Amino acid sequence: MVIDRVEFVRGLEFKNLCEVVELIKRLENKIRCVGCYKKLSEVPYMLSYYRHKDGWLVIDAEERLWLYVICCNCKYQNALWKLLRQVEPIEIFRILEKIRSQSNK
């Protein structure tokens, strides 16, 4: 079975923003800025968000948020889905599973 990467990442839900930050941190060697093509591990970046009806459900925020990463090298605002589609869905799933199991301890 082939999983469509865009559909997979668009369907993700997060417990809180800390979970998103941890996921990005664990993937920063594999994902690149869409603007300057540098790996996030090579440049400073920051997570930002705003309320958006088509965004991700962030459970603790009790609303949907448009999540994006600002590359401090080129100032591009990378939509989270554009970054996560660079990674195999199974890898994202496994990382989230680890993050969630560690936060439950």
Foldseek 3Di string as FASTA:
>chain_A
DDDQLLVLVLPDAAQAVVLVVQLCVVCQVQFADPPPRHRNVVFPKDKDWDADQSAHHHPVVVGGIFIWMQTPVVRDTGGPSNGRSSDDSVVSVVSSVVVVVVVVD
